[in-house]
Amino acid sequence: MTPAAILRQPPRVLTTAQREAYFRDGFVSVEALIPPDWIDRLVERSDALLEASREISQSNEAYDLGPSHTAERPHVRRLRAVVDRDPVFWRFAKDSLLADVAADLVGPDVKFHSAKLNYKWPGAGETVKWHQDIQAWPHTNYSPVTLGVHLAAVTTAQGPLVCIPGSHDGPLFFHTDATGEWTGAISDEDLGGIDLERGVATTGPAGTLVALNCRTVHGSAQNTAARPRPLLLN
């Protein structure tokens, strides 16, 4: 469906202004949209899975571990396919307002694809280079939307997701190096043509939802704060 056709559909969760902002900018951030009871349940299960990571020493199909991971001090970069790890995450994906948010942005025919839980730990020096999600995905159109949920308050010091407004209407960039090897990031040469200073940091309290179009250029800096930044992505 075209943006105009989608906007003709009655809104379910988002306001008209929020939907228009998404189509104009390629993303929209809505503070504290997810109710606290859902956040509490998700945080509880996140903590349990982090605790369980003490029992493993290398990455597997569930855990992407950082190089400093130990039983005494877990360093989990990502929980993969998190809906397969705990039923609470699947219930959140199908029973919360997420599907209605997606319908507000892609139209009434919504299909769930996947989910993961990314952590950014203080002092780990981890960054996410500028990229476009669609370049790593098998989809044949540009309707996919990622719905990110802050499981805790996120400040600029914690390396929040930064989006370049309007970049979803711009070019698709190669995410390979000079030899054609996959890098997962836009090259420095191509970044020279993007006004990165226009980037918008998607900060906000726990429960903030960030909807991101698959073509939007985005990235994030390292976490220089004292608290981790857990971000659930559906």
Protein backbone atom coordinates (compact mmCIF):
# COMPACT_ATOMS: atom_id res chain seq x y z
CA MET A 1 0.00 0.00 0.00
CA THR A 2 1.12 3.56 -0.62
CA PRO A 3 1.51 5.98 2.31
CA ALA A 4 -1.58 7.85 1.12
CA ALA A 5 -3.63 4.66 1.10
CA ILE A 6 -2.38 3.67 4.54
CA LEU A 7 -3.20 7.09 5.96
CA ARG A 8 -6.76 6.71 4.70
CA GLN A 9 -7.13 3.76 7.07
CA PRO A 10 -8.45 4.77 10.53
CA PRO A 11 -5.61 4.97 13.09
CA ARG A 12 -5.50 2.27 15.75
CA VAL A 13 -2.80 3.51 18.12
CA LEU A 14 -0.73 6.29 16.60
CA THR A 15 -2.01 9.79 15.95
CA THR A 16 -2.33 11.17 12.45
CA ALA A 17 0.63 13.46 13.12
CA GLN A 18 2.79 10.53 14.24
CA ARG A 19 1.90 8.49 11.17
CA GLU A 20 2.64 11.45 8.89
CA ALA A 21 5.98 11.98 10.64
CA TYR A 22 6.91 8.35 9.98
CA PHE A 23 6.25 8.65 6.26
CA ARG A 24 8.00 12.03 6.07
CA ASP A 25 11.10 11.19 8.13
CA GLY A 26 11.39 7.41 7.84
CA PHE A 27 10.98 6.93 11.59
CA VAL A 28 8.92 8.12 14.52
CA SER A 29 9.57 7.95 18.27
CA VAL A 30 6.67 7.89 20.72
CA GLU A 31 7.55 8.25 24.39
CA ALA A 32 6.19 5.79 26.97
CA LEU A 33 3.74 4.18 24.54
CA ILE A 34 4.14 0.66 25.95
CA PRO A 35 2.32 0.24 29.30
CA PRO A 36 4.49 -0.25 32.43
CA ASP A 37 3.04 -3.70 33.15
CA TRP A 38 4.39 -5.00 29.84
CA ILE A 39 7.79 -3.36 30.45
CA ASP A 40 8.01 -4.94 33.92
CA ARG A 41 7.30 -8.40 32.52
CA LEU A 42 9.80 -8.00 29.68
CA VAL A 43 12.51 -6.72 32.02
CA GLU A 44 11.93 -9.65 34.39
CA ARG A 45 12.40 -12.16 31.57
CA SER A 46 15.36 -10.24 30.17
CA ASP A 47 17.05 -10.39 33.58
CA ALA A 48 16.37 -14.13 33.81
CA LEU A 49 17.93 -14.78 30.41
CA LEU A 50 20.94 -12.67 31.29
CA GLU A 51 21.33 -14.67 34.50
CA ALA A 52 21.19 -17.91 32.51
CA SER A 53 24.02 -16.65 30.28
CA ARG A 54 26.41 -17.21 33.20
CA GLU A 55 26.27 -20.92 32.34
CA ILE A 56 27.69 -20.54 28.81
CA SER A 57 31.11 -19.44 27.60
CA GLN A 58 30.64 -18.89 23.87
CA SER A 59 28.00 -17.57 21.51
CA ASN A 60 25.27 -19.93 20.30
CA GLU A 61 21.87 -19.81 18.60
CA ALA A 62 20.40 -17.92 21.56
CA TYR A 63 23.21 -15.70 22.80
CA ASP A 64 25.62 -13.36 21.04
CA LEU A 65 28.32 -12.87 23.67
CA GLY A 66 30.82 -10.06 23.91
CA PRO A 67 34.56 -10.77 24.24
CA SER A 68 34.57 -9.90 27.96
CA HIS A 69 31.75 -12.27 28.90
CA THR A 70 32.32 -14.28 32.08
CA ALA A 71 30.11 -16.08 34.56
CA GLU A 72 30.93 -13.40 37.11
CA ARG A 73 30.20 -10.53 34.73
CA PRO A 74 27.92 -11.44 31.83
CA HIS A 75 28.38 -9.51 28.58
CA VAL A 76 25.49 -10.39 26.27
CA ARG A 77 25.37 -8.27 23.14
CA ARG A 78 22.18 -9.80 21.78
CA LEU A 79 19.50 -12.35 22.57
CA ARG A 80 18.72 -13.90 19.21
CA ALA A 81 15.19 -14.93 18.14
CA VAL A 82 14.01 -13.88 21.56
CA VAL A 83 10.40 -14.98 20.95
CA ASP A 84 11.77 -18.55 20.87
CA ARG A 85 13.55 -18.12 24.21
CA ASP A 86 10.66 -17.11 26.45
CA PRO A 87 6.89 -17.13 25.84
CA VAL A 88 6.48 -13.66 27.36
CA PHE A 89 8.31 -12.15 24.38
CA TRP A 90 6.04 -13.97 21.94
CA ARG A 91 2.94 -12.89 23.82
CA PHE A 92 4.20 -9.31 23.71
CA ALA A 93 4.72 -9.54 19.95
CA LYS A 94 1.22 -10.91 19.26
CA ASP A 95 -0.98 -9.67 22.12
CA SER A 96 0.28 -6.14 22.87
CA LEU A 97 -0.40 -3.05 20.78
CA LEU A 98 2.61 -3.75 18.52
CA ALA A 99 0.56 -5.27 15.70
CA ASP A 100 -1.79 -2.30 15.70
CA VAL A 101 1.16 0.10 15.57
CA ALA A 102 2.50 -1.83 12.59
CA ALA A 103 -0.91 -1.68 10.91
CA ASP A 104 -0.93 2.09 11.35
CA LEU A 105 2.32 2.22 9.34
CA VAL A 106 2.09 -0.56 6.76
CA GLY A 107 -1.64 -1.17 6.40
CA PRO A 108 -3.96 -3.82 7.86
CA ASP A 109 -2.14 -6.89 6.47
CA VAL A 110 0.60 -7.35 9.06
CA LYS A 111 3.03 -10.27 9.32
CA PHE A 112 5.50 -10.78 12.15
CA HIS A 113 9.04 -11.58 10.99
CA SER A 114 11.46 -11.79 13.91
CA ALA A 115 12.59 -10.28 17.20
CA LYS A 116 15.83 -9.76 19.09
CA LEU A 117 16.94 -8.01 22.23
CA ASN A 118 20.07 -5.86 21.91
CA TYR A 119 22.11 -4.72 24.88
CA LYS A 120 24.68 -1.96 24.90
CA TRP A 121 26.87 -2.18 27.99
CA PRO A 122 28.79 0.66 29.65
CA GLY A 123 32.48 0.72 28.89
CA ALA A 124 32.35 -1.95 26.18
CA GLY A 125 33.08 0.56 23.40
CA GLU A 126 30.47 -1.00 21.12
CA THR A 127 29.03 1.07 18.30
CA VAL A 128 26.64 0.34 15.44
CA LYS A 129 27.93 1.81 12.20
CA TRP A 130 25.64 3.73 9.85
CA HIS A 131 23.55 1.34 7.78
CA GLN A 132 20.17 0.56 6.19
CA ASP A 133 18.40 -2.59 7.38
CA ILE A 134 16.92 -3.56 4.03
CA GLN A 135 20.35 -4.28 2.59
CA ALA A 136 20.66 -7.28 4.90
CA TRP A 137 17.12 -8.56 4.44
CA PRO A 138 15.50 -10.79 1.78
CA HIS A 139 12.39 -8.64 1.29
CA THR A 140 11.37 -7.48 -2.16
CA ASN A 141 9.62 -4.25 -1.13
CA TYR A 142 10.26 -1.37 1.24
CA SER A 143 7.30 -1.71 3.60
CA PRO A 144 9.03 -3.58 6.49
CA VAL A 145 9.08 -1.60 9.72
CA THR A 146 11.10 -2.34 12.85
CA LEU A 147 9.47 -1.53 16.17
CA GLY A 148 12.03 -0.87 18.88
CA VAL A 149 11.03 -0.68 22.54
CA HIS A 150 13.12 0.88 25.31
CA LEU A 151 13.09 -1.50 28.28
CA ALA A 152 14.69 1.24 30.37
CA ALA A 153 15.10 4.99 30.07
CA VAL A 154 17.58 5.93 27.34
CA THR A 155 19.70 9.09 27.36
CA THR A 156 22.10 10.47 24.76
CA ALA A 157 25.04 9.13 26.81
CA GLN A 158 23.83 5.55 26.36
CA GLY A 159 24.34 5.43 22.62
CA PRO A 160 20.72 5.60 21.47
CA LEU A 161 19.54 4.83 17.96
CA VAL A 162 20.20 7.88 15.76
CA CYS A 163 18.16 8.24 12.55
CA ILE A 164 18.73 10.50 9.54
CA PRO A 165 15.38 12.13 8.66
CA GLY A 166 14.27 11.62 5.07
CA SER A 167 17.04 9.15 4.24
CA HIS A 168 14.45 6.45 3.48
CA ASP A 169 13.57 8.42 0.35
CA GLY A 170 17.22 8.64 -0.70
CA PRO A 171 19.53 6.13 -2.36
CA LEU A 172 20.22 2.58 -1.26
CA PHE A 173 23.89 2.21 -0.39
CA PHE A 174 26.22 -0.73 -0.85
CA HIS A 175 27.21 -2.34 2.45
CA THR A 176 30.37 -3.93 1.12
CA ASP A 177 34.04 -2.98 1.01
CA ALA A 178 36.18 -2.35 -2.08
CA THR A 179 36.61 -6.10 -2.63
CA GLY A 180 32.90 -6.78 -2.46
CA GLU A 181 33.01 -8.32 1.02
CA TRP A 182 29.98 -7.70 3.21
CA THR A 183 30.58 -5.13 5.95
CA GLY A 184 27.02 -4.40 7.03
CA ALA A 185 27.77 -0.67 6.96
CA ILE A 186 27.77 2.26 4.57
CA SER A 187 31.24 3.12 3.31
CA ASP A 188 33.07 6.24 4.47
CA GLU A 189 32.95 7.53 0.90
CA ASP A 190 29.18 7.28 0.73
CA LEU A 191 28.80 8.70 4.23
CA GLY A 192 30.46 11.85 2.91
CA GLY A 193 27.29 12.57 0.96
CA ILE A 194 24.99 12.19 3.98
CA ASP A 195 24.40 15.04 6.40
CA LEU A 196 24.96 13.05 9.59
CA GLU A 197 24.65 16.20 11.68
CA ARG A 198 20.91 16.06 11.01
CA GLY A 199 20.66 12.79 12.91
CA VAL A 200 17.96 12.54 15.58
CA ALA A 201 18.71 10.60 18.76
CA THR A 202 15.71 8.51 19.83
CA THR A 203 15.94 8.97 23.59
CA GLY A 204 13.07 8.59 26.03
CA PRO A 205 11.74 6.85 29.12
CA ALA A 206 11.07 3.13 29.47
CA GLY A 207 8.25 2.10 27.16
CA THR A 208 9.26 4.48 24.39
CA LEU A 209 8.60 2.98 20.97
CA VAL A 210 10.68 3.76 17.88
CA ALA A 211 9.28 2.78 14.48
CA LEU A 212 12.00 2.57 11.80
CA ASN A 213 11.53 2.16 8.06
CA CYS A 214 13.78 -0.47 6.49
CA ARG A 215 15.53 2.09 4.22
CA THR A 216 16.30 4.70 6.89
CA VAL A 217 19.99 5.37 7.54
CA HIS A 218 20.73 4.86 11.23
CA GLY A 219 23.46 3.96 13.69
CA SER A 220 24.46 4.40 17.33
CA ALA A 221 27.47 5.46 19.38
CA GLN A 222 29.01 3.69 22.34
CA ASN A 223 27.46 3.74 25.80
CA THR A 224 29.38 6.14 28.02
CA ALA A 225 26.83 6.10 30.84
CA ALA A 226 26.77 3.87 33.92
CA ARG A 227 23.69 1.86 32.91
CA PRO A 228 23.16 -0.65 30.06
CA ARG A 229 20.79 0.12 27.19
CA PRO A 230 18.40 -2.77 26.46
CA LEU A 231 16.45 -2.36 23.21
CA LEU A 232 13.85 -4.92 22.13
CA LEU A 233 13.43 -5.02 18.35
CA ASN A 234 10.39 -6.59 16.64
